[in-house]
């Protein structure tokens, strides 16, 4: 599961940042992702990161809900 984090920045600073990033064809969200990843790598111990990676790999992908037999039959009749 992913969570959102809100930050506060003045309108002027945000406008300037977006303008200069756009000139370099860089997305603000990509830069923020890099910063968050750097903070994570710097502050979370390696063994904890390994454990989280291992647990994330174990989670099976969610299967889409299958149609009920009645719905499947109705679709095949059409």
PDB file of N, CA and C in Angstrom:
ATOM      1  N   UNK A   1       0.847  -1.162   0.000  1.00  0.00           N
ATOM      2  CA  UNK A   1       0.000   0.000   0.000  1.00  0.00           C
ATOM      3  C   UNK A   1       0.896   1.230   0.000  1.00  0.00           C
ATOM      4  N   UNK A   2       0.488   2.242  -0.724  1.00  0.00           N
ATOM      5  CA  UNK A   2       1.227   3.494  -0.763  1.00  0.00           C
ATOM      6  C   UNK A   2       0.465   4.559  -0.020  1.00  0.00           C
ATOM      7  N   UNK A   3       1.196   5.469   0.571  1.00  0.00           N
ATOM      8  CA  UNK A   3       0.619   6.591   1.302  1.00  0.00           C
ATOM      9  C   UNK A   3       1.085   7.881   0.665  1.00  0.00           C
ATOM     10  N   UNK A   4       0.342   8.929   0.900  1.00  0.00           N
ATOM     11  CA  UNK A   4       0.701  10.253   0.415  1.00  0.00           C
ATOM     12  C   UNK A   4       1.274  11.075   1.556  1.00  0.00           C
ATOM     13  N   UNK A   5       2.161  11.989   1.202  1.00  0.00           N
ATOM     14  CA  UNK A   5       2.746  12.904   2.164  1.00  0.00           C
ATOM     15  C   UNK A   5       2.537  14.308   1.633  1.00  0.00           C
ATOM     16  N   UNK A   6       2.045  15.191   2.482  1.00  0.00           N
ATOM     17  CA  UNK A   6       1.819  16.582   2.069  1.00  0.00           C
ATOM     18  C   UNK A   6       2.985  17.443   2.544  1.00  0.00           C
ATOM     19  N   UNK A   7       3.419  18.353   1.679  1.00  0.00           N
ATOM     20  CA  UNK A   7       4.453  19.306   2.057  1.00  0.00           C
ATOM     21  C   UNK A   7       3.928  20.709   1.793  1.00  0.00           C
ATOM     22  N   UNK A   8       4.543  21.677   2.460  1.00  0.00           N
ATOM     23  CA  UNK A   8       4.137  23.061   2.286  1.00  0.00           C
ATOM     24  C   UNK A   8       5.291  23.838   1.676  1.00  0.00           C
ATOM     25  N   UNK A   9       4.989  24.617   0.641  1.00  0.00           N
ATOM     26  CA  UNK A   9       5.977  25.450  -0.027  1.00  0.00           C
ATOM     27  C   UNK A   9       5.248  26.696  -0.517  1.00  0.00           C
ATOM     28  N   UNK A  10       5.943  27.816  -0.524  1.00  0.00           N
ATOM     29  CA  UNK A  10       5.295  29.050  -0.971  1.00  0.00           C
ATOM     30  C   UNK A  10       4.983  28.955  -2.463  1.00  0.00           C
ATOM     31  N   UNK A  11       3.961  29.658  -2.872  1.00  0.00           N
ATOM     32  CA  UNK A  11       3.562  29.653  -4.281  1.00  0.00           C
ATOM     33  C   UNK A  11       4.715  30.100  -5.183  1.00  0.00           C
ATOM     34  N   UNK A  12       5.449  31.117  -4.753  1.00  0.00           N
ATOM     35  CA  UNK A  12       6.543  31.656  -5.563  1.00  0.00           C
ATOM     36  C   UNK A  12       7.660  30.633  -5.745  1.00  0.00           C
ATOM     37  N   UNK A  13       8.024  29.968  -4.662  1.00  0.00           N
ATOM     38  CA  UNK A  13       9.090  28.965  -4.741  1.00  0.00           C
ATOM     39  C   UNK A  13       8.663  27.794  -5.615  1.00  0.00           C
ATOM     40  N   UNK A  14       7.423  27.360  -5.465  1.00  0.00           N
ATOM     41  CA  UNK A  14       6.938  26.244  -6.268  1.00  0.00           C
ATOM     42  C   UNK A  14       6.907  26.615  -7.745  1.00  0.00           C
ATOM     43  N   UNK A  15       6.426  27.802  -8.064  1.00  0.00           N
ATOM     44  CA  UNK A  15       6.369  28.245  -9.456  1.00  0.00           C
ATOM     45  C   UNK A  15       7.767  28.306 -10.063  1.00  0.00           C
ATOM     46  N   UNK A  16       8.733  28.852  -9.315  1.00  0.00           N
ATOM     47  CA  UNK A  16      10.106  28.939  -9.810  1.00  0.00           C
ATOM     48  C   UNK A  16      10.697  27.550  -9.999  1.00  0.00           C
ATOM     49  N   UNK A  17      10.492  26.683  -9.024  1.00  0.00           N
ATOM     50  CA  UNK A  17      11.016  25.319  -9.102  1.00  0.00           C
ATOM     51  C   UNK A  17      10.451  24.587 -10.314  1.00  0.00           C
ATOM     52  N   UNK A  18       9.142  24.660 -10.494  1.00  0.00           N
ATOM     53  CA  UNK A  18       8.515  23.989 -11.640  1.00  0.00           C
ATOM     54  C   UNK A  18       9.017  24.563 -12.955  1.00  0.00           C
ATOM     55  N   UNK A  19       9.201  25.879 -13.023  1.00  0.00           N
ATOM     56  CA  UNK A  19       9.668  26.510 -14.256  1.00  0.00           C
ATOM     57  C   UNK A  19      11.064  26.016 -14.631  1.00  0.00           C
ATOM     58  N   UNK A  20      11.979  25.990 -13.666  1.00  0.00           N
ATOM     59  CA  UNK A  20      13.344  25.577 -13.970  1.00  0.00           C
ATOM     60  C   UNK A  20      13.463  24.066 -14.198  1.00  0.00           C
ATOM     61  N   UNK A  21      12.668  23.295 -13.509  1.00  0.00           N
ATOM     62  CA  UNK A  21      12.669  21.857 -13.769  1.00  0.00           C
ATOM     63  C   UNK A  21      12.131  21.569 -15.163  1.00  0.00           C
ATOM     64  N   UNK A  22      11.093  22.300 -15.560  1.00  0.00           N
ATOM     65  CA  UNK A  22      10.506  22.102 -16.888  1.00  0.00           C
ATOM     66  C   UNK A  22      11.527  22.393 -17.982  1.00  0.00           C
ATOM     67  N   UNK A  23      12.371  23.394 -17.774  1.00  0.00           N
ATOM     68  CA  UNK A  23      13.409  23.727 -18.757  1.00  0.00           C
ATOM     69  C   UNK A  23      14.384  22.572 -18.940  1.00  0.00           C
ATOM     70  N   UNK A  24      14.548  21.790 -17.897  1.00  0.00           N
ATOM     71  CA  UNK A  24      15.448  20.637 -17.948  1.00  0.00           C
ATOM     72  C   UNK A  24      14.707  19.344 -18.256  1.00  0.00           C
ATOM     73  N   UNK A  25      13.414  19.458 -18.573  1.00  0.00           N
ATOM     74  CA  UNK A  25      12.569  18.286 -18.847  1.00  0.00           C
ATOM     75  C   UNK A  25      12.562  17.297 -17.680  1.00  0.00           C
ATOM     76  N   UNK A  26      12.450  17.843 -16.481  1.00  0.00           N
ATOM     77  CA  UNK A  26      12.426  17.030 -15.266  1.00  0.00           C
ATOM     78  C   UNK A  26      11.081  17.245 -14.582  1.00  0.00           C
ATOM     79  N   UNK A  27      10.503  16.159 -14.100  1.00  0.00           N
ATOM     80  CA  UNK A  27       9.236  16.250 -13.372  1.00  0.00           C
ATOM     81  C   UNK A  27       9.509  16.423 -11.888  1.00  0.00           C
ATOM     82  N   UNK A  28       8.760  17.314 -11.254  1.00  0.00           N
ATOM     83  CA  UNK A  28       8.900  17.547  -9.820  1.00  0.00           C
ATOM     84  C   UNK A  28       8.653  16.256  -9.045  1.00  0.00           C
ATOM     85  N   UNK A  29       7.648  15.500  -9.452  1.00  0.00           N
ATOM     86  CA  UNK A  29       7.331  14.256  -8.737  1.00  0.00           C
ATOM     87  C   UNK A  29       8.495  13.267  -8.795  1.00  0.00           C
ATOM     88  N   UNK A  30       9.210  13.230  -9.922  1.00  0.00           N
ATOM     89  CA  UNK A  30      10.371  12.340 -10.027  1.00  0.00           C
ATOM     90  C   UNK A  30      11.476  12.768  -9.063  1.00  0.00           C
ATOM     91  N   UNK A  31      11.694  14.072  -8.961  1.00  0.00           N
ATOM     92  CA  UNK A  31      12.719  14.584  -8.056  1.00  0.00           C
ATOM     93  C   UNK A  31      12.353  14.319  -6.599  1.00  0.00           C
ATOM     94  N   UNK A  32      11.084  14.474  -6.277  1.00  0.00           N
ATOM     95  CA  UNK A  32      10.638  14.201  -4.908  1.00  0.00           C
ATOM     96  C   UNK A  32      10.808  12.715  -4.597  1.00  0.00           C
ATOM     97  N   UNK A  33      10.473  11.851  -5.561  1.00  0.00           N
ATOM     98  CA  UNK A  33      10.663  10.410  -5.370  1.00  0.00           C
ATOM     99  C   UNK A  33      12.129  10.086  -5.075  1.00  0.00           C
ATOM    100  N   UNK A  34      13.050  10.731  -5.809  1.00  0.00           N
ATOM    101  CA  UNK A  34      14.480  10.505  -5.578  1.00  0.00           C
ATOM    102  C   UNK A  34      14.880  10.941  -4.172  1.00  0.00           C
ATOM    103  N   UNK A  35      14.361  12.083  -3.744  1.00  0.00           N
ATOM    104  CA  UNK A  35      14.682  12.578  -2.390  1.00  0.00           C
ATOM    105  C   UNK A  35      14.158  11.625  -1.318  1.00  0.00           C
ATOM    106  N   UNK A  36      12.935  11.169  -1.489  1.00  0.00           N
ATOM    107  CA  UNK A  36      12.346  10.240  -0.513  1.00  0.00           C
ATOM    108  C   UNK A  36      13.148   8.943  -0.477  1.00  0.00           C
ATOM    109  N   UNK A  37      13.536   8.447  -1.654  1.00  0.00           N
ATOM    110  CA  UNK A  37      14.316   7.217  -1.706  1.00  0.00           C
ATOM    111  C   UNK A  37      15.664   7.414  -1.011  1.00  0.00           C
ATOM    112  N   UNK A  38      16.286   8.574  -1.226  1.00  0.00           N
ATOM    113  CA  UNK A  38      17.552   8.870  -0.560  1.00  0.00           C
ATOM    114  C   UNK A  38      17.407   8.906   0.954  1.00  0.00           C
ATOM    115  N   UNK A  39      16.339   9.534   1.444  1.00  0.00           N
ATOM    116  CA  UNK A  39      16.076   9.567   2.881  1.00  0.00           C
ATOM    117  C   UNK A  39      15.878   8.164   3.431  1.00  0.00           C
ATOM    118  N   UNK A  40      15.145   7.360   2.684  1.00  0.00           N
ATOM    119  CA  UNK A  40      14.875   5.970   3.083  1.00  0.00           C
ATOM    120  C   UNK A  40      16.187   5.189   3.167  1.00  0.00           C
ATOM    121  N   UNK A  41      17.006   5.293   2.111  1.00  0.00           N
ATOM    122  CA  UNK A  41      18.280   4.567   2.076  1.00  0.00           C
ATOM    123  C   UNK A  41      19.208   5.024   3.204  1.00  0.00           C
ATOM    124  N   UNK A  42      19.207   6.315   3.490  1.00  0.00           N
ATOM    125  CA  UNK A  42      20.097   6.878   4.500  1.00  0.00           C
ATOM    126  C   UNK A  42      19.679   6.523   5.924  1.00  0.00           C
ATOM    127  N   UNK A  43      18.381   6.458   6.174  1.00  0.00           N
ATOM    128  CA  UNK A  43      17.905   6.357   7.547  1.00  0.00           C
ATOM    129  C   UNK A  43      17.380   4.994   7.975  1.00  0.00           C
ATOM    130  N   UNK A  44      16.926   4.184   7.039  1.00  0.00           N
ATOM    131  CA  UNK A  44      16.390   2.865   7.403  1.00  0.00           C
ATOM    132  C   UNK A  44      17.526   1.839   7.281  1.00  0.00           C
ATOM    133  N   UNK A  45      17.803   1.106   8.342  1.00  0.00           N
ATOM    134  CA  UNK A  45      18.893   0.121   8.298  1.00  0.00           C
ATOM    135  C   UNK A  45      18.710  -0.908   7.176  1.00  0.00           C
ATOM    136  N   UNK A  46      19.835  -1.359   6.630  1.00  0.00           N
ATOM    137  CA  UNK A  46      19.816  -2.288   5.502  1.00  0.00           C
ATOM    138  C   UNK A  46      19.008  -3.546   5.801  1.00  0.00           C
ATOM    139  N   UNK A  47      19.142  -4.103   6.994  1.00  0.00           N
ATOM    140  CA  UNK A  47      18.417  -5.336   7.312  1.00  0.00           C
ATOM    141  C   UNK A  47      16.904  -5.101   7.302  1.00  0.00           C
ATOM    142  N   UNK A  48      16.472  -3.926   7.700  1.00  0.00           N
ATOM    143  CA  UNK A  48      15.040  -3.608   7.670  1.00  0.00           C
ATOM    144  C   UNK A  48      14.579  -3.447   6.223  1.00  0.00           C
ATOM    145  N   UNK A  49      15.384  -2.767   5.395  1.00  0.00           N
ATOM    146  CA  UNK A  49      15.037  -2.615   3.973  1.00  0.00           C
ATOM    147  C   UNK A  49      14.951  -3.975   3.293  1.00  0.00           C
ATOM    148  N   UNK A  50      15.891  -4.865   3.623  1.00  0.00           N
ATOM    149  CA  UNK A  50      15.866  -6.220   3.053  1.00  0.00           C
ATOM    150  C   UNK A  50      14.603  -6.962   3.462  1.00  0.00           C
ATOM    151  N   UNK A  51      14.222  -6.832   4.730  1.00  0.00           N
ATOM    152  CA  UNK A  51      13.011  -7.488   5.221  1.00  0.00           C
ATOM    153  C   UNK A  51      11.782  -6.954   4.493  1.00  0.00           C
ATOM    154  N   UNK A  52      11.689  -5.642   4.345  1.00  0.00           N
ATOM    155  CA  UNK A  52      10.544  -5.039   3.645  1.00  0.00           C
ATOM    156  C   UNK A  52      10.499  -5.518   2.204  1.00  0.00           C
ATOM    157  N   UNK A  53      11.646  -5.557   1.540  1.00  0.00           N
ATOM    158  CA  UNK A  53      11.701  -6.049   0.156  1.00  0.00           C
ATOM    159  C   UNK A  53      11.246  -7.501   0.077  1.00  0.00           C
ATOM    160  N   UNK A  54      11.683  -8.311   1.042  1.00  0.00           N
ATOM    161  CA  UNK A  54      11.309  -9.726   1.056  1.00  0.00           C
ATOM    162  C   UNK A  54       9.799  -9.882   1.252  1.00  0.00           C
ATOM    163  N   UNK A  55       9.235  -9.100   2.162  1.00  0.00           N
ATOM    164  CA  UNK A  55       7.801  -9.190   2.423  1.00  0.00           C
ATOM    165  C   UNK A  55       6.992  -8.682   1.224  1.00  0.00           C
ATOM    166  N   UNK A  56       7.491  -7.671   0.551  1.00  0.00           N
ATOM    167  CA  UNK A  56       6.797  -7.140  -0.626  1.00  0.00           C
ATOM    168  C   UNK A  56       6.796  -8.162  -1.760  1.00  0.00           C
ATOM    169  N   UNK A  57       7.875  -8.905  -1.892  1.00  0.00           N
ATOM    170  CA  UNK A  57       7.978  -9.907  -2.956  1.00  0.00           C
ATOM    171  C   UNK A  57       7.056 -11.092  -2.695  1.00  0.00           C
ATOM    172  N   UNK A  58       6.772 -11.391  -1.420  1.00  0.00           N
ATOM    173  CA  UNK A  58       5.923 -12.531  -1.075  1.00  0.00           C
ATOM    174  C   UNK A  58       4.452 -12.283  -1.348  1.00  0.00           C
ATOM    175  N   UNK A  59       4.033 -11.023  -1.320  1.00  0.00           N
ATOM    176  CA  UNK A  59       2.613 -10.721  -1.475  1.00  0.00           C
ATOM    177  C   UNK A  59       2.166 -11.082  -2.890  1.00  0.00           C
ATOM    178  N   UNK A  60       1.176 -11.962  -2.993  1.00  0.00           N
ATOM    179  CA  UNK A  60       0.683 -12.319  -4.321  1.00  0.00           C
ATOM    180  C   UNK A  60      -0.102 -11.154  -4.918  1.00  0.00           C
ATOM    181  N   UNK A  61      -0.057 -11.068  -6.228  1.00  0.00           N
ATOM    182  CA  UNK A  61      -0.828 -10.026  -6.901  1.00  0.00           C
ATOM    183  C   UNK A  61      -2.308 -10.305  -6.716  1.00  0.00           C
ATOM    184  N   UNK A  62      -3.069  -9.244  -6.539  1.00  0.00           N
ATOM    185  CA  UNK A  62      -4.512  -9.428  -6.357  1.00  0.00           C
ATOM    186  C   UNK A  62      -5.135  -9.902  -7.655  1.00  0.00           C
ATOM    187  N   UNK A  63      -5.969 -10.909  -7.521  1.00  0.00           N
ATOM    188  CA  UNK A  63      -6.676 -11.422  -8.685  1.00  0.00           C
ATOM    189  C   UNK A  63      -7.957 -10.628  -8.868  1.00  0.00           C
ATOM    190  N   UNK A  64      -8.293 -10.318 -10.112  1.00  0.00           N
ATOM    191  CA  UNK A  64      -9.570  -9.623 -10.315  1.00  0.00           C
ATOM    192  C   UNK A  64     -10.720 -10.540  -9.917  1.00  0.00           C
ATOM    193  N   UNK A  65     -11.775  -9.930  -9.429  1.00  0.00           N
ATOM    194  CA  UNK A  65     -12.928 -10.734  -9.024  1.00  0.00           C
ATOM    195  C   UNK A  65     -13.485 -11.449 -10.247  1.00  0.00           C
ATOM    196  N   UNK A  66     -13.700 -12.719 -10.096  1.00  0.00           N
ATOM    197  CA  UNK A  66     -14.251 -13.480 -11.215  1.00  0.00           C
ATOM    198  C   UNK A  66     -15.760 -13.296 -11.241  1.00  0.00           C
ATOM    199  N   UNK A  67     -16.300 -13.386 -12.425  1.00  0.00           N
ATOM    200  CA  UNK A  67     -17.742 -13.246 -12.580  1.00  0.00           C
ATOM    201  C   UNK A  67     -18.432 -14.473 -12.007  1.00  0.00           C
ATOM    202  N   UNK A  68     -19.626 -14.259 -11.541  1.00  0.00           N
ATOM    203  CA  UNK A  68     -20.383 -15.389 -11.035  1.00  0.00           C
ATOM    204  C   UNK A  68     -20.780 -16.268 -12.218  1.00  0.00           C
ATOM    205  N   UNK A  69     -21.066 -17.543 -11.991  1.00  0.00           N
ATOM    206  CA  UNK A  69     -21.451 -18.436 -13.094  1.00  0.00           C
ATOM    207  C   UNK A  69     -22.657 -17.900 -13.867  1.00  0.00           C
ATOM    208  N   UNK A  70     -23.611 -17.266 -13.195  1.00  0.00           N
ATOM    209  CA  UNK A  70     -24.792 -16.739 -13.875  1.00  0.00           C
ATOM    210  C   UNK A  70     -24.406 -15.614 -14.822  1.00  0.00           C
ATOM    211  N   UNK A  71     -23.481 -14.737 -14.397  1.00  0.00           N
ATOM    212  CA  UNK A  71     -23.041 -13.637 -15.253  1.00  0.00           C
ATOM    213  C   UNK A  71     -22.294 -14.166 -16.446  1.00  0.00           C
ATOM    214  N   UNK A  72     -21.452 -15.165 -16.240  1.00  0.00           N
ATOM    215  CA  UNK A  72     -20.682 -15.757 -17.334  1.00  0.00           C
ATOM    216  C   UNK A  72     -21.623 -16.383 -18.360  1.00  0.00           C
ATOM    217  N   UNK A  73     -22.670 -17.053 -17.890  1.00  0.00           N
ATOM    218  CA  UNK A  73     -23.628 -17.692 -18.788  1.00  0.00           C
ATOM    219  C   UNK A  73     -24.373 -16.637 -19.604  1.00  0.00           C
ATOM    220  N   UNK A  74     -24.764 -15.524 -18.981  1.00  0.00           N
ATOM    221  CA  UNK A  74     -25.462 -14.476 -19.681  1.00  0.00           C
ATOM    222  C   UNK A  74     -24.597 -13.876 -20.773  1.00  0.00           C
ATOM    223  N   UNK A  75     -23.321 -13.681 -20.473  1.00  0.00           N
ATOM    224  CA  UNK A  75     -22.401 -13.127 -21.463  1.00  0.00           C
ATOM    225  C   UNK A  75     -22.207 -14.065 -22.641  1.00  0.00           C
ATOM    226  N   UNK A  76     -22.144 -15.370 -22.371  1.00  0.00           N
ATOM    227  CA  UNK A  76     -21.921 -16.327 -23.444  1.00  0.00           C
ATOM    228  C   UNK A  76     -23.160 -16.485 -24.327  1.00  0.00           C
ATOM    229  N   UNK A  77     -24.330 -16.201 -23.793  1.00  0.00           N
ATOM    230  CA  UNK A  77     -25.569 -16.303 -24.570  1.00  0.00           C
ATOM    231  C   UNK A  77     -25.701 -15.167 -25.575  1.00  0.00           C
ATOM    232  N   UNK A  78     -25.049 -14.038 -25.300  1.00  0.00           N
ATOM    233  CA  UNK A  78     -25.200 -12.859 -26.158  1.00  0.00           C
ATOM    234  C   UNK A  78     -24.394 -12.950 -27.386  1.00  0.00           C
TER     235      UNK A  78
END
